[in-house]
Amino acid sequence: MTKFDKIAKRIDSFRDDMINLQIQLCAVPAISPSSGGEGEVKKAKLLRSFLEPLKFDNIDLIKAPDLDAPCGYRPNILAVLKGKNTSRTAWVMTHMDIVPPGDLAQWKGDPYKAWVEGGKIFGRGVEDNQQDLVASLFAVKAFQAENFKPSCNIGIALVADEETGSTKGIDYVLQHTKAFRKKDLIMVPDAGNKHGTLIEVAEKGILWLKFKTVGKQAHASTPNKGINSFKAACFLVTELENLYKIFKAQDSLFEPPISTFEPTKKESNVPNINTIPGEDVFYLDSRLLPQFTIEKVEAEINKMIKKIEDKFKVKITYEEQQRAPAAPPTPTQAAVVSALRGAIKEVYAAEAQARGIGGGTVAAVFRRAGYEAACWSKVDETAHQPNEYCHINNMVGDAKVFAHVFLQG
C-alpha cells in the first residue's frame, strides 16, 4: 500500500472515535456571550486535552479579551506539527463556536445530546463546524499512528467567534500573531456542497440595510390627514429593484453570476387594520460582485430615497446592519486550490471547481489580510437548522482529503 492508502485505512479505523468526539463536543455548548452563552472556554479545554497527546511541536492559546465572557476572554488555539519542509504550513482552520438551537419543538431530540441515525450524527454544531474540526484532528492522529512525517508543517487552528463576526477569533489571531505565512496552504471548511465539488475562492461584498420610513399616523378612513409610511416604503422597495438594472454586470465565477438586492425582513407597524402607520421598517440584503463598491451602491440608494421622499413627503433613513467589502479573490490556480482538487479527486473521485459564492465566510478575513485561502467541505448545508446533521462518511472522507494535502504538501 502507498503511504496515503495506509493513512486512509487508519482514518477508517477511527470512525467510532470520531463519532464519540462529536458527541463529547456537542455536549459542551460554545455559544457567544452576545447570543446568551459563555463562549468557547470549556470546549477549548476539551479540545486541548485531545491535542496534547498528539505531540504537536507547538500548541498556543491566544486569548482575545471579552468582558462579556465569564472568564474575560475568548480562546483561540493554534497547534503546529513540523513536517519535512518547514517553510510551508498546511492549515485547517475551523471554529469552536456554535449558534443557539432555536425552537426546540422542531428538534427530534436534545440538540446538545448528539445521536446517530441513518449514517448521520444529529445535534447543534455537528456540521457547523465540528464535522471538519474532528476530521482535521483525526487526519493528524493518523499521521502519528502511522509514524509518518508530513511533507510540510501541519497547522490546526481552532478559533472563536466565527458566528458573531470573528473579531475575537481569526481576526484577532491575525492581528496578534505571526503564525501564518503567505505561502501557506490555508483550508477553511466553511462552505461546500453535497458533492464535495465546490472550492470557494471568492465572495461578494455584503451590505445589509435597515430602512425606516416616517410619515404621519392617521385613521384609515381619513388618509388625507396622515402620511402613509407603509405605502411610501412599498414604493421604495419597488424603486430599489432598479439596482438590478444599474449594477447588471455578470461574473461567471459566481453563482448566481450577478449582484443581488433583495428586501427581506419586515417589522410590524400598527397592530390594527384601520390605522395608517406613521412609521415603517424593512430590511435589504445586498450581495455585490467585487467590481462594484459599496459606496457606489449607497449613492444610488440615496437618489432613490430622495425620489420617494419628495413624492410622498416622508422622511427615510437607513442604518447599516452589516458592511463587508468584497475581499480579493483567491486565484483559481492557487496552490491551495490545486492541492484540494487533487485530494478531492483521490478521495471522492470527483472533479472540484473553484467558484465564488454570495454568502460570506471567515476565509474573507484571510483574503483581506493578503493570504490565499480556500473554503471546502462536503456537506448537506444543514448549518443553523433544526436537526442539524453531518454524514459520518463525509466526516471520515474529509479527514482523508486533509490528510492527502498534508502528505503532498
Protein backbone atom coordinates (compact mmCIF):
# COMPACT_ATOMS: atom_id res chain seq x y z
CA MET A 1 0.00 0.00 0.00
CA THR A 2 1.03 3.59 -0.58
CA LYS A 3 1.52 5.97 2.33
CA PHE A 4 -1.81 7.57 1.59
CA ASP A 5 -3.55 4.17 1.47
CA LYS A 6 -2.18 3.41 4.92
CA ILE A 7 -3.29 6.77 6.30
CA ALA A 8 -6.75 6.41 4.74
CA LYS A 9 -7.13 2.94 6.23
CA ARG A 10 -6.06 4.29 9.61
CA ILE A 11 -8.66 7.06 9.39
CA ASP A 12 -11.32 4.45 8.61
CA SER A 13 -10.34 2.67 11.82
CA PHE A 14 -11.02 5.89 13.77
CA ARG A 15 -14.66 6.07 12.67
CA ASP A 16 -16.17 5.25 16.07
CA ASP A 17 -13.69 7.50 17.87
CA MET A 18 -14.66 10.38 15.58
CA ILE A 19 -18.33 9.86 16.38
CA ASN A 20 -17.55 9.80 20.10
CA LEU A 21 -15.62 13.06 19.90
CA GLN A 22 -18.56 14.64 18.07
CA ILE A 23 -20.87 13.57 20.89
CA GLN A 24 -18.49 14.98 23.52
CA LEU A 25 -18.15 18.32 21.71
CA CYS A 26 -21.89 18.62 21.17
CA ALA A 27 -22.44 18.29 24.93
CA VAL A 28 -20.34 21.42 25.56
CA PRO A 29 -22.28 24.33 24.00
CA ALA A 30 -19.93 27.09 22.86
CA ILE A 31 -22.29 30.00 22.27
CA SER A 32 -21.15 33.60 22.08
CA PRO A 33 -21.93 35.80 25.09
CA SER A 34 -23.76 38.14 22.71
CA SER A 35 -26.10 35.23 21.94
CA GLY A 36 -26.63 34.31 25.57
CA GLY A 37 -23.76 31.85 26.04
CA GLU A 38 -20.46 31.68 27.92
CA GLY A 39 -18.13 31.42 24.91
CA GLU A 40 -15.77 28.61 23.94
CA VAL A 41 -13.56 28.12 27.00
CA LYS A 42 -14.98 24.76 28.13
CA LYS A 43 -14.89 23.41 24.59
CA ALA A 44 -11.33 24.66 24.15
CA LYS A 45 -10.25 22.77 27.27
CA LEU A 46 -11.78 19.57 25.92
CA LEU A 47 -10.03 20.03 22.60
CA ARG A 48 -6.73 20.88 24.28
CA SER A 49 -6.89 17.55 26.11
CA PHE A 50 -7.29 15.82 22.74
CA LEU A 51 -4.45 17.77 21.10
CA GLU A 52 -1.78 17.28 23.74
CA PRO A 53 -1.26 13.50 23.24
CA LEU A 54 -0.76 14.11 19.50
CA LYS A 55 2.73 15.50 20.18
CA PHE A 56 2.40 18.79 18.31
CA ASP A 57 5.60 20.83 18.31
CA ASN A 58 3.69 23.91 19.44
CA ILE A 59 0.26 24.43 20.96
CA ASP A 60 -0.54 28.06 21.63
CA LEU A 61 -3.58 29.59 23.29
CA ILE A 62 -4.39 33.11 22.09
CA LYS A 63 -6.80 34.87 24.43
CA ALA A 64 -8.93 37.59 22.85
CA PRO A 65 -10.25 39.86 25.61
CA ASP A 66 -14.04 39.78 26.04
CA LEU A 67 -15.52 41.29 29.19
CA ASP A 68 -18.89 39.71 28.38
CA ALA A 69 -17.42 36.21 28.72
CA PRO A 70 -17.38 34.86 32.30
CA CYS A 71 -13.63 34.18 32.08
CA GLY A 72 -12.90 37.53 30.43
CA TYR A 73 -11.58 36.17 27.15
CA ARG A 74 -12.33 34.07 24.07
CA PRO A 75 -9.89 31.20 23.36
CA ASN A 76 -8.13 30.52 20.07
CA ILE A 77 -5.85 27.51 19.69
CA LEU A 78 -3.03 27.16 17.16
CA ALA A 79 -1.26 23.79 17.01
CA VAL A 80 1.65 23.08 14.65
CA LEU A 81 3.31 19.77 13.81
CA LYS A 82 6.57 20.17 11.91
CA GLY A 83 7.00 18.45 8.55
CA LYS A 84 9.88 17.72 6.23
CA ASN A 85 9.61 21.20 4.69
CA THR A 86 9.14 23.70 7.49
CA SER A 87 8.91 26.72 5.15
CA ARG A 88 5.23 26.00 4.47
CA THR A 89 2.31 25.02 6.68
CA ALA A 90 -0.89 23.37 5.53
CA TRP A 91 -3.58 24.80 7.80
CA VAL A 92 -7.11 23.67 8.53
CA MET A 93 -9.00 26.45 10.32
CA THR A 94 -12.28 25.55 11.97
CA HIS A 95 -14.35 27.33 14.60
CA MET A 96 -15.41 26.15 18.03
CA ASP A 97 -18.46 28.36 18.49
CA ILE A 98 -21.99 27.39 17.51
CA VAL A 99 -25.33 29.16 17.18
CA PRO A 100 -28.21 28.57 19.62
CA PRO A 101 -30.54 25.67 18.72
CA GLY A 102 -33.60 27.86 18.14
CA ASP A 103 -37.09 26.41 18.56
CA LEU A 104 -36.60 23.17 20.50
CA ALA A 105 -40.02 21.92 19.39
CA GLN A 106 -38.60 21.49 15.88
CA TRP A 107 -35.85 19.14 17.06
CA LYS A 108 -36.31 15.37 17.12
CA GLY A 109 -34.05 15.14 20.15
CA ASP A 110 -31.93 17.18 22.54
CA PRO A 111 -29.66 19.37 20.33
CA TYR A 112 -26.87 19.04 22.91
CA LYS A 113 -27.08 15.24 23.15
CA ALA A 114 -25.92 14.16 19.72
CA TRP A 115 -27.45 11.00 18.34
CA VAL A 116 -26.64 8.70 15.43
CA GLU A 117 -29.35 7.75 12.96
CA GLY A 118 -29.19 6.55 9.36
CA GLY A 119 -25.46 7.10 8.94
CA LYS A 120 -25.70 10.66 10.28
CA ILE A 121 -24.88 12.44 13.52
CA PHE A 122 -27.56 14.89 14.66
CA GLY A 123 -27.04 17.81 17.04
CA ARG A 124 -26.27 21.50 17.14
CA GLY A 125 -22.82 22.17 15.71
CA VAL A 126 -22.15 18.70 14.31
CA GLU A 127 -21.85 20.01 10.76
CA ASP A 128 -21.04 23.65 11.53
CA ASN A 129 -18.19 23.31 12.29
CA GLN A 130 -17.46 20.10 14.16
CA GLN A 131 -17.55 17.82 11.11
CA ASP A 132 -14.30 19.17 9.75
CA LEU A 133 -12.88 20.17 13.11
CA VAL A 134 -12.99 16.50 14.06
CA ALA A 135 -11.84 15.48 10.58
CA SER A 136 -8.74 17.69 10.80
CA LEU A 137 -7.76 16.30 14.22
CA PHE A 138 -8.06 12.68 13.15
CA ALA A 139 -6.10 13.37 9.97
CA VAL A 140 -3.24 14.41 12.24
CA LYS A 141 -3.80 11.43 14.50
CA ALA A 142 -3.48 9.11 11.50
CA PHE A 143 -0.05 10.54 10.69
CA GLN A 144 1.01 9.99 14.30
CA ALA A 145 -0.36 6.45 14.38
CA GLU A 146 1.47 5.53 11.18
CA ASN A 147 4.62 7.36 12.30
CA PHE A 148 4.68 9.34 9.03
CA LYS A 149 6.21 12.79 8.79
CA PRO A 150 4.10 15.16 6.65
CA SER A 151 5.65 16.85 3.63
CA CYS A 152 5.14 20.29 5.16
CA ASN A 153 4.07 21.54 8.57
CA ILE A 154 0.52 20.73 9.66
CA GLY A 155 -1.35 23.58 11.30
CA ILE A 156 -4.60 23.21 13.21
CA ALA A 157 -6.40 26.46 14.03
CA LEU A 158 -9.41 26.22 16.34
CA VAL A 159 -10.90 29.67 16.65
CA ALA A 160 -13.63 31.52 18.50
CA ASP A 161 -16.31 33.98 17.47
CA GLU A 162 -16.91 32.89 13.87
CA GLU A 163 -20.67 33.04 14.27
CA THR A 164 -20.73 36.65 15.51
CA GLY A 165 -18.11 38.43 13.45
CA SER A 166 -14.67 36.84 14.10
CA THR A 167 -13.28 39.97 15.81
CA LYS A 168 -12.35 37.81 18.80
CA GLY A 169 -11.46 34.87 16.60
CA ILE A 170 -9.31 34.66 13.48
CA ASP A 171 -9.32 38.42 13.01
CA TYR A 172 -7.74 38.82 16.45
CA VAL A 173 -5.30 35.97 15.79
CA LEU A 174 -4.05 37.52 12.56
CA GLN A 175 -3.54 40.86 14.26
CA HIS A 176 -1.69 39.49 17.28
CA THR A 177 0.40 36.60 15.92
CA LYS A 178 2.70 35.84 13.02
CA ALA A 179 1.66 32.21 12.73
CA PHE A 180 0.53 32.40 9.09
CA ARG A 181 2.77 32.95 6.08
CA LYS A 182 1.91 33.99 2.54
CA LYS A 183 2.99 30.66 1.01
CA ASP A 184 0.93 28.56 3.45
CA LEU A 185 -1.94 26.37 2.28
CA ILE A 186 -4.96 27.66 4.18
CA MET A 187 -8.08 25.48 4.13
CA VAL A 188 -11.28 26.79 5.70
CA PRO A 189 -14.14 24.24 5.75
CA ASP A 190 -16.80 26.94 5.99
CA ALA A 191 -18.53 26.35 2.64
CA GLY A 192 -19.20 23.47 0.30
CA ASN A 193 -21.86 21.31 -1.31
CA LYS A 194 -23.20 17.77 -1.02
CA HIS A 195 -20.98 16.51 -3.85
CA GLY A 196 -17.75 17.93 -2.45
CA THR A 197 -17.12 19.67 -5.76
CA LEU A 198 -17.21 23.33 -4.66
CA ILE A 199 -13.95 25.03 -3.73
CA GLU A 200 -14.93 28.54 -2.70
CA VAL A 201 -12.33 31.14 -3.67
CA ALA A 202 -14.29 34.40 -3.85
CA GLU A 203 -17.15 36.16 -2.13
CA LYS A 204 -19.38 39.07 -2.94
CA GLY A 205 -19.45 42.26 -0.95
CA ILE A 206 -22.22 42.41 1.64
CA LEU A 207 -24.44 45.37 2.51
CA TRP A 208 -27.39 44.89 4.83
CA LEU A 209 -29.56 47.95 5.46
CA LYS A 210 -32.42 48.77 7.79
CA PHE A 211 -34.78 51.36 6.25
CA LYS A 212 -37.03 53.48 8.44
CA THR A 213 -39.82 55.47 6.79
CA VAL A 214 -41.56 58.11 8.88
CA GLY A 215 -44.88 59.64 7.86
CA LYS A 216 -47.90 60.62 9.94
CA GLN A 217 -50.29 58.24 11.65
CA ALA A 218 -53.99 58.72 10.99
CA HIS A 219 -57.30 56.88 10.87
CA ALA A 220 -57.54 54.78 7.72
CA SER A 221 -60.88 56.40 6.83
CA THR A 222 -59.19 59.82 6.60
CA PRO A 223 -55.94 59.22 4.71
CA ASN A 224 -55.82 62.91 3.84
CA LYS A 225 -54.98 63.63 7.48
CA GLY A 226 -51.97 61.34 7.54
CA ILE A 227 -48.94 60.26 5.51
CA ASN A 228 -48.85 56.53 4.90
CA SER A 229 -45.32 55.39 5.75
CA PHE A 230 -46.07 51.82 4.69
CA LYS A 231 -47.23 52.89 1.24
CA ALA A 232 -44.14 55.02 0.74
CA ALA A 233 -41.92 52.15 1.90
CA CYS A 234 -43.57 49.85 -0.64
CA PHE A 235 -42.77 52.28 -3.42
CA LEU A 236 -39.19 52.43 -2.15
CA VAL A 237 -38.97 48.64 -2.30
CA THR A 238 -40.02 48.65 -5.94
CA GLU A 239 -37.62 51.53 -6.65
CA LEU A 240 -34.75 49.52 -5.14
CA GLU A 241 -35.47 46.81 -7.71
CA ASN A 242 -33.79 49.14 -10.22
CA LEU A 243 -30.46 48.36 -8.55
CA TYR A 244 -30.52 45.16 -10.59
CA LYS A 245 -30.54 47.27 -13.77
CA ILE A 246 -27.89 49.73 -12.61
CA PHE A 247 -25.47 47.03 -11.41
CA LYS A 248 -26.24 44.48 -14.10
CA ALA A 249 -22.77 43.07 -14.84
CA GLN A 250 -22.20 39.33 -14.62
CA ASP A 251 -19.27 37.22 -13.47
CA SER A 252 -19.34 33.50 -14.26
CA LEU A 253 -17.10 32.75 -11.28
CA PHE A 254 -20.14 33.28 -9.02
CA GLU A 255 -23.47 31.51 -8.62
CA PRO A 256 -25.69 33.39 -9.20
CA PRO A 257 -23.42 35.39 -11.54
CA ILE A 258 -24.99 38.74 -10.65
CA SER A 259 -25.21 41.20 -7.77
CA THR A 260 -28.40 40.73 -5.77
CA PHE A 261 -30.61 43.26 -3.96
CA GLU A 262 -33.43 41.62 -2.01
CA PRO A 263 -35.88 43.11 0.51
CA THR A 264 -36.18 40.63 3.35
CA LYS A 265 -37.29 41.28 6.91
CA LYS A 266 -40.37 43.44 7.54
CA GLU A 267 -41.14 44.76 11.02
CA SER A 268 -44.74 45.18 12.18
CA ASN A 269 -46.05 48.74 12.14
CA VAL A 270 -49.56 49.18 13.57
CA PRO A 271 -51.48 46.43 15.39
CA ASN A 272 -54.87 47.15 13.85
CA ILE A 273 -56.27 47.32 10.33
CA ASN A 274 -57.92 50.72 10.48
CA THR A 275 -54.84 52.84 11.21
CA ILE A 276 -52.47 54.34 8.68
CA PRO A 277 -48.99 53.70 10.01
CA GLY A 278 -46.79 56.67 10.74
CA GLU A 279 -43.63 54.56 10.83
CA ASP A 280 -42.48 51.56 8.81
CA VAL A 281 -39.29 49.47 8.87
CA PHE A 282 -37.92 46.95 6.38
CA TYR A 283 -34.52 45.49 5.52
CA LEU A 284 -32.47 44.98 2.35
CA ASP A 285 -29.87 42.26 1.77
CA SER A 286 -27.38 43.21 -0.96
CA ARG A 287 -24.59 40.98 -2.31
CA LEU A 288 -22.21 42.79 -4.67
CA LEU A 289 -19.86 41.48 -7.30
CA PRO A 290 -16.30 42.54 -6.39
CA GLN A 291 -16.20 45.09 -9.24
CA PHE A 292 -18.85 47.22 -7.52
CA THR A 293 -18.12 49.26 -4.43
CA ILE A 294 -20.50 49.62 -1.51
CA GLU A 295 -20.15 53.40 -1.78
CA LYS A 296 -21.46 53.37 -5.36
CA VAL A 297 -24.49 51.33 -4.34
CA GLU A 298 -25.20 53.64 -1.42
CA ALA A 299 -25.04 56.65 -3.74
CA GLU A 300 -27.74 55.13 -5.96
CA ILE A 301 -29.87 54.21 -2.96
CA ASN A 302 -29.68 57.79 -1.70
CA LYS A 303 -31.02 59.03 -5.04
CA MET A 304 -33.94 56.62 -4.79
CA ILE A 305 -34.69 57.71 -1.23
CA LYS A 306 -34.79 61.36 -2.29
CA LYS A 307 -37.25 60.50 -5.06
CA ILE A 308 -39.63 58.72 -2.68
CA GLU A 309 -39.31 61.40 -0.01
CA ASP A 310 -40.26 64.10 -2.50
CA LYS A 311 -43.20 62.12 -3.84
CA PHE A 312 -44.77 61.09 -0.51
CA LYS A 313 -43.49 63.80 1.86
CA VAL A 314 -41.97 61.21 4.18
CA LYS A 315 -38.59 61.04 5.87
CA ILE A 316 -36.49 57.97 5.10
CA THR A 317 -33.30 56.99 6.90
CA TYR A 318 -31.26 53.81 6.89
CA GLU A 319 -28.79 52.10 9.18
CA GLU A 320 -26.11 49.61 8.24
CA GLN A 321 -26.64 46.17 9.75
CA GLN A 322 -23.63 44.66 8.03
CA ARG A 323 -20.99 46.09 5.73
CA ALA A 324 -18.28 43.89 4.25
CA PRO A 325 -16.47 44.94 1.09
CA ALA A 326 -15.56 42.04 -1.16
CA ALA A 327 -12.18 40.56 -0.32
CA PRO A 328 -9.66 39.98 -3.11
CA PRO A 329 -10.37 36.51 -4.54
CA THR A 330 -8.00 33.62 -4.16
CA PRO A 331 -6.68 32.76 -7.66
CA THR A 332 -8.39 29.71 -9.13
CA GLN A 333 -4.95 28.18 -9.73
CA ALA A 334 -3.55 28.94 -6.27
CA ALA A 335 -1.50 26.20 -4.62
CA VAL A 336 -4.18 25.51 -2.00
CA VAL A 337 -6.83 25.12 -4.71
CA SER A 338 -4.67 22.71 -6.71
CA ALA A 339 -3.90 20.70 -3.57
CA LEU A 340 -7.58 20.40 -2.70
CA ARG A 341 -8.52 19.46 -6.26
CA GLY A 342 -6.04 16.59 -6.23
CA ALA A 343 -7.15 15.37 -2.82
CA ILE A 344 -10.86 15.53 -3.67
CA LYS A 345 -10.28 13.55 -6.84
CA GLU A 346 -8.32 10.91 -4.93
CA VAL A 347 -10.79 10.55 -2.05
CA TYR A 348 -14.18 11.25 -3.62
CA ALA A 349 -13.42 10.56 -7.31
CA ALA A 350 -14.91 13.98 -8.09
CA GLU A 351 -13.73 16.94 -10.16
CA ALA A 352 -13.93 20.04 -7.99
CA GLN A 353 -14.28 23.55 -9.38
CA ALA A 354 -13.15 26.86 -7.93
CA ARG A 355 -16.16 29.18 -7.65
CA GLY A 356 -17.39 32.32 -5.94
CA ILE A 357 -20.42 32.47 -3.63
CA GLY A 358 -22.86 35.11 -2.47
CA GLY A 359 -22.59 34.23 1.20
CA GLY A 360 -19.86 35.43 3.50
CA THR A 361 -17.27 33.13 5.05
CA VAL A 362 -14.46 33.61 7.52
CA ALA A 363 -11.98 32.98 4.68
CA ALA A 364 -12.58 36.60 3.69
CA VAL A 365 -10.64 37.64 6.80
CA PHE A 366 -7.59 35.81 5.44
CA ARG A 367 -8.04 37.23 1.94
CA ARG A 368 -8.29 40.81 3.16
CA ALA A 369 -5.03 40.24 5.03
CA GLY A 370 -3.34 39.06 1.83
CA TYR A 371 -3.47 35.29 2.32
CA GLU A 372 -4.71 32.79 -0.27
CA ALA A 373 -7.42 30.78 1.45
CA ALA A 374 -9.88 28.27 0.04
CA CYS A 375 -13.16 27.10 1.56
CA TRP A 376 -14.11 23.48 1.07
CA SER A 377 -16.07 20.68 2.72
CA LYS A 378 -18.54 18.01 1.68
CA VAL A 379 -21.78 18.99 3.41
CA ASP A 380 -25.54 18.94 3.06
CA GLU A 381 -25.60 22.54 4.37
CA THR A 382 -27.79 21.92 7.41
CA ALA A 383 -25.96 24.55 9.47
CA HIS A 384 -28.19 26.62 11.79
CA GLN A 385 -31.21 24.43 11.00
CA PRO A 386 -33.25 22.32 13.43
CA ASN A 387 -31.96 18.73 13.40
CA GLU A 388 -28.60 19.81 12.01
CA TYR A 389 -26.62 16.74 10.96
CA CYS A 390 -23.40 15.60 9.37
CA HIS A 391 -22.89 12.48 7.31
CA ILE A 392 -20.42 10.24 9.10
CA ASN A 393 -18.98 9.25 5.72
CA ASN A 394 -18.34 12.93 4.95
CA MET A 395 -16.53 13.43 8.24
CA VAL A 396 -14.31 10.42 7.56
CA GLY A 397 -13.83 11.34 3.90
CA ASP A 398 -12.94 14.95 4.66
CA ALA A 399 -10.29 13.73 7.10
CA LYS A 400 -8.75 11.81 4.20
CA VAL A 401 -8.82 14.93 2.00
CA PHE A 402 -6.95 16.93 4.63
CA ALA A 403 -4.50 14.07 5.12
CA HIS A 404 -3.84 13.93 1.37
CA VAL A 405 -2.98 17.63 1.35
CA PHE A 406 -0.72 17.16 4.41
CA LEU A 407 1.04 14.27 2.67
CA GLN A 408 1.59 16.08 -0.63
CA GLY A 409 2.43 19.44 0.92
